[in-house]
Protein backbone atom coordinates (compact mmCIF):
# COMPACT_ATOMS: atom_id res chain seq x y z
CA MET A 1 3.86 -20.17 0.73
CA LYS A 2 4.35 -16.43 0.21
CA LYS A 3 4.66 -16.76 -3.55
CA LEU A 4 1.58 -19.01 -3.72
CA VAL A 5 -0.52 -16.64 -1.63
CA LEU A 6 0.62 -13.56 -3.54
CA THR A 7 0.06 -15.17 -6.94
CA PHE A 8 -3.40 -16.52 -6.11
CA GLY A 9 -4.35 -13.33 -4.25
CA LEU A 10 -3.50 -11.10 -7.22
CA ILE A 11 -5.24 -13.39 -9.70
CA SER A 12 -8.32 -13.49 -7.44
CA GLY A 13 -8.22 -9.72 -7.11
CA PHE A 14 -8.06 -9.30 -10.88
CA ILE A 15 -11.01 -11.64 -11.42
CA SER A 16 -13.06 -9.81 -8.79
CA VAL A 17 -12.59 -6.44 -10.53
CA LEU A 18 -13.32 -7.42 -14.12
CA GLY A 19 -16.69 -5.66 -13.91
CA PHE A 20 -15.07 -2.46 -12.65
CA LEU A 21 -12.54 -2.54 -15.46
CA ILE A 22 -15.35 -2.80 -17.99
CA MET A 23 -17.14 0.13 -16.31
CA MET A 24 -13.95 2.21 -16.51
CA LEU A 25 -13.84 1.67 -20.24
CA ASN A 26 -17.54 2.44 -20.67
CA PRO A 27 -19.11 4.22 -17.67
CA ASP A 28 -22.49 4.33 -19.43
CA SER A 29 -22.64 0.52 -19.32
CA ILE A 30 -23.47 0.38 -15.60
CA ASP A 31 -26.23 -2.15 -15.01
CA PHE A 32 -27.59 -1.28 -11.57
CA GLU A 33 -30.32 -3.91 -11.71
CA ASN A 34 -27.95 -6.85 -12.19
CA GLY A 35 -24.74 -5.28 -10.90
CA MET A 36 -24.98 -6.94 -7.51
CA ILE A 37 -25.46 -10.36 -9.09
CA TYR A 38 -22.49 -9.84 -11.41
CA GLY A 39 -20.39 -8.49 -8.56
CA TYR A 40 -20.98 -11.36 -6.18
CA ALA A 41 -20.65 -13.92 -8.99
CA SER A 42 -17.21 -12.49 -9.82
CA MET A 43 -16.27 -12.60 -6.12
CA LEU A 44 -17.28 -16.26 -5.88
CA LEU A 45 -15.34 -17.08 -9.03
CA ALA A 46 -12.32 -15.17 -7.73
CA PHE A 47 -12.43 -16.79 -4.31
CA SER A 48 -12.80 -20.27 -5.79
CA LEU A 49 -9.04 -19.97 -6.27
CA ILE A 50 -8.71 -20.26 -2.49
CA PHE A 51 -9.64 -23.95 -2.84
CA VAL A 52 -7.09 -24.38 -5.62
CA ALA A 53 -4.33 -22.65 -3.64
CA ILE A 54 -4.92 -24.61 -0.43
CA LYS A 55 -5.06 -27.92 -2.29
CA SER A 56 -1.95 -27.02 -4.26
CA PHE A 57 -0.03 -26.14 -1.09
CA ARG A 58 -1.23 -29.26 0.70
CA ASP A 59 -0.44 -31.68 -2.12
CA LYS A 60 2.67 -30.16 -3.70
CA HIS A 61 4.44 -28.41 -0.85
CA ASN A 62 3.27 -30.07 2.34
CA GLU A 63 3.30 -33.81 1.60
CA GLY A 64 -0.50 -34.08 1.39
CA VAL A 65 -1.07 -32.75 4.90
CA ILE A 66 -2.49 -29.45 6.12
CA SER A 67 -4.12 -28.32 9.34
CA PHE A 68 -7.32 -26.34 9.43
CA GLY A 69 -5.42 -23.33 10.81
CA LYS A 70 -2.75 -23.36 8.11
CA ALA A 71 -5.37 -23.84 5.37
CA PHE A 72 -7.44 -20.98 6.79
CA ARG A 73 -4.39 -18.69 6.93
CA ILE A 74 -3.66 -19.36 3.27
CA GLY A 75 -7.28 -18.54 2.40
CA LEU A 76 -7.25 -15.48 4.66
CA TYR A 77 -4.12 -14.04 3.06
CA ILE A 78 -5.48 -14.61 -0.44
CA CYS A 79 -8.76 -13.04 0.66
CA LEU A 80 -6.99 -9.98 2.06
CA ILE A 81 -4.90 -9.46 -1.08
CA ALA A 82 -7.87 -9.93 -3.43
CA SER A 83 -10.09 -7.70 -1.28
CA THR A 84 -7.47 -4.96 -1.27
CA VAL A 85 -7.19 -5.11 -5.06
CA TYR A 86 -11.00 -4.93 -5.25
CA VAL A 87 -11.19 -1.91 -2.92
CA VAL A 88 -8.37 0.01 -4.63
CA VAL A 89 -9.80 -0.55 -8.11
CA TRP A 90 -13.31 0.39 -6.95
CA LEU A 91 -12.06 3.63 -5.39
CA ILE A 92 -10.13 4.53 -8.55
CA ASP A 93 -13.19 3.71 -10.64
CA TYR A 94 -15.54 5.63 -8.36
CA TYR A 95 -13.46 8.78 -7.95
CA PHE A 96 -11.95 9.06 -11.43
CA PHE A 97 -14.24 7.33 -13.94
CA LEU A 98 -17.82 7.19 -12.71
CA ASP A 99 -19.68 10.39 -13.32
CA ASP A 100 -22.59 10.97 -10.92
CA PHE A 101 -22.81 7.35 -9.76
CA TRP A 102 -25.27 8.14 -6.97
CA GLY A 103 -27.46 10.34 -9.18
CA LYS A 104 -27.79 7.53 -11.71
CA TYR A 105 -28.46 5.06 -8.92
CA ILE A 106 -31.22 7.26 -7.49
CA GLU A 107 -32.79 7.71 -10.91
CA MET A 108 -32.83 3.96 -11.62
CA SER A 109 -34.17 3.15 -8.15
CA LYS A 110 -36.88 5.80 -8.35
CA ASN A 111 -38.04 4.57 -11.74
CA ASP A 112 -38.15 1.01 -10.43
CA LEU A 113 -40.15 2.02 -7.34
CA ILE A 114 -42.56 4.16 -9.37
CA ALA A 115 -43.15 1.25 -11.76
CA LYS A 116 -44.03 -0.93 -8.74
CA GLY A 117 -46.52 1.68 -7.49
CA THR A 118 -44.52 2.51 -4.38
CA PRO A 119 -45.92 5.45 -2.36
CA GLN A 120 -44.02 8.73 -2.73
CA GLU A 121 -43.11 8.71 0.97
CA GLU A 122 -41.14 5.46 0.54
CA ILE A 123 -39.46 6.81 -2.58
CA ASP A 124 -38.41 9.94 -0.68
CA THR A 125 -37.03 7.75 2.13
CA MET A 126 -34.96 5.76 -0.38
CA VAL A 127 -33.62 8.96 -1.95
CA SER A 128 -32.69 10.26 1.48
CA GLU A 129 -30.83 7.04 2.33
CA VAL A 130 -28.89 7.10 -0.92
CA GLU A 131 -27.99 10.75 -0.36
CA GLY A 132 -26.56 9.63 3.00
CA TRP A 133 -24.38 7.04 1.22
CA LYS A 134 -23.28 9.71 -1.24
CA GLU A 135 -22.19 11.88 1.69
CA LEU A 136 -20.26 8.99 3.28
CA TYR A 137 -18.46 8.31 0.00
CA LYS A 138 -17.01 11.82 -0.03
CA ASN A 139 -14.37 10.46 2.36
CA PRO A 140 -12.18 7.90 0.52
CA LEU A 141 -11.19 6.17 3.78
CA VAL A 142 -14.83 5.60 4.72
CA ALA A 143 -15.64 4.56 1.15
CA GLY A 144 -12.78 2.05 1.26
CA LEU A 145 -13.91 0.58 4.57
CA ILE A 146 -17.48 0.27 3.31
CA THR A 147 -16.21 -1.44 0.17
CA TYR A 148 -14.21 -3.94 2.26
CA THR A 149 -17.52 -4.94 3.90
CA GLU A 150 -18.80 -6.02 0.47
CA ILE A 151 -16.05 -8.47 -0.38
CA LEU A 152 -14.20 -9.46 2.78
CA PRO A 153 -17.03 -11.50 4.39
CA VAL A 154 -17.41 -13.54 1.19
CA GLY A 155 -13.70 -14.34 1.15
CA LEU A 156 -13.62 -15.20 4.84
CA LEU A 157 -16.57 -17.56 4.48
CA ILE A 158 -15.00 -19.31 1.51
CA SER A 159 -11.68 -19.53 3.39
CA LEU A 160 -13.43 -21.24 6.32
CA ILE A 161 -15.26 -23.65 4.05
CA ALA A 162 -12.13 -24.47 2.04
CA ALA A 163 -10.06 -25.01 5.18
CA ALA A 164 -12.69 -27.33 6.64
CA ILE A 165 -12.97 -29.36 3.43
CA LEU A 166 -9.28 -29.55 2.55
CA LYS A 167 -7.67 -30.12 5.98
CA ARG A 168 -5.88 -33.43 6.18
CA LYS A 169 -4.07 -34.95 9.13
CA PRO A 170 -0.92 -36.98 8.68
CA LYS A 171 -1.47 -40.70 8.40
CA THR A 172 -0.34 -42.50 11.49
CA ALA A 173 1.77 -45.61 11.24
CA GLN A 174 -0.18 -48.73 12.07
CA THR A 175 1.34 -51.20 14.46
CA ILE A 176 0.94 -54.91 13.96
């Protein structure tokens, strides 16, 4: 089980960070407007491997049987490995490759709000909130914990769903 979890966890982690890797190569390519959609789509794609891993373990290594708890643990471990890869790569990207991430984010958000006719007071509030995030991200530990909150809940939810769908009790012998 360890090899299965490690393999699928690392592959899931790699899939979840493809966007970051592209940003590292070209930091000017950041698409703030669609970034969240791309990010969560890559997480869902990455965590779809949880289904594959649980089914593979159940069918190939466990004689077609798996409890909800065992299936959830497999999903949880894959989720933790993939989430850790995601967090580490994001922190490397943020601290070493992204130049003025928050400044660019503020600029894009302000332009979007101005185009919508948002009152200046609301724009100032948004800028103040983003400046607060910028301050929090000065501490890599806090930044890492915040980043875990982006990906970990998605993985946990998919692990629960996969465990519920793929659990299978052993067939009982019928008496005549």
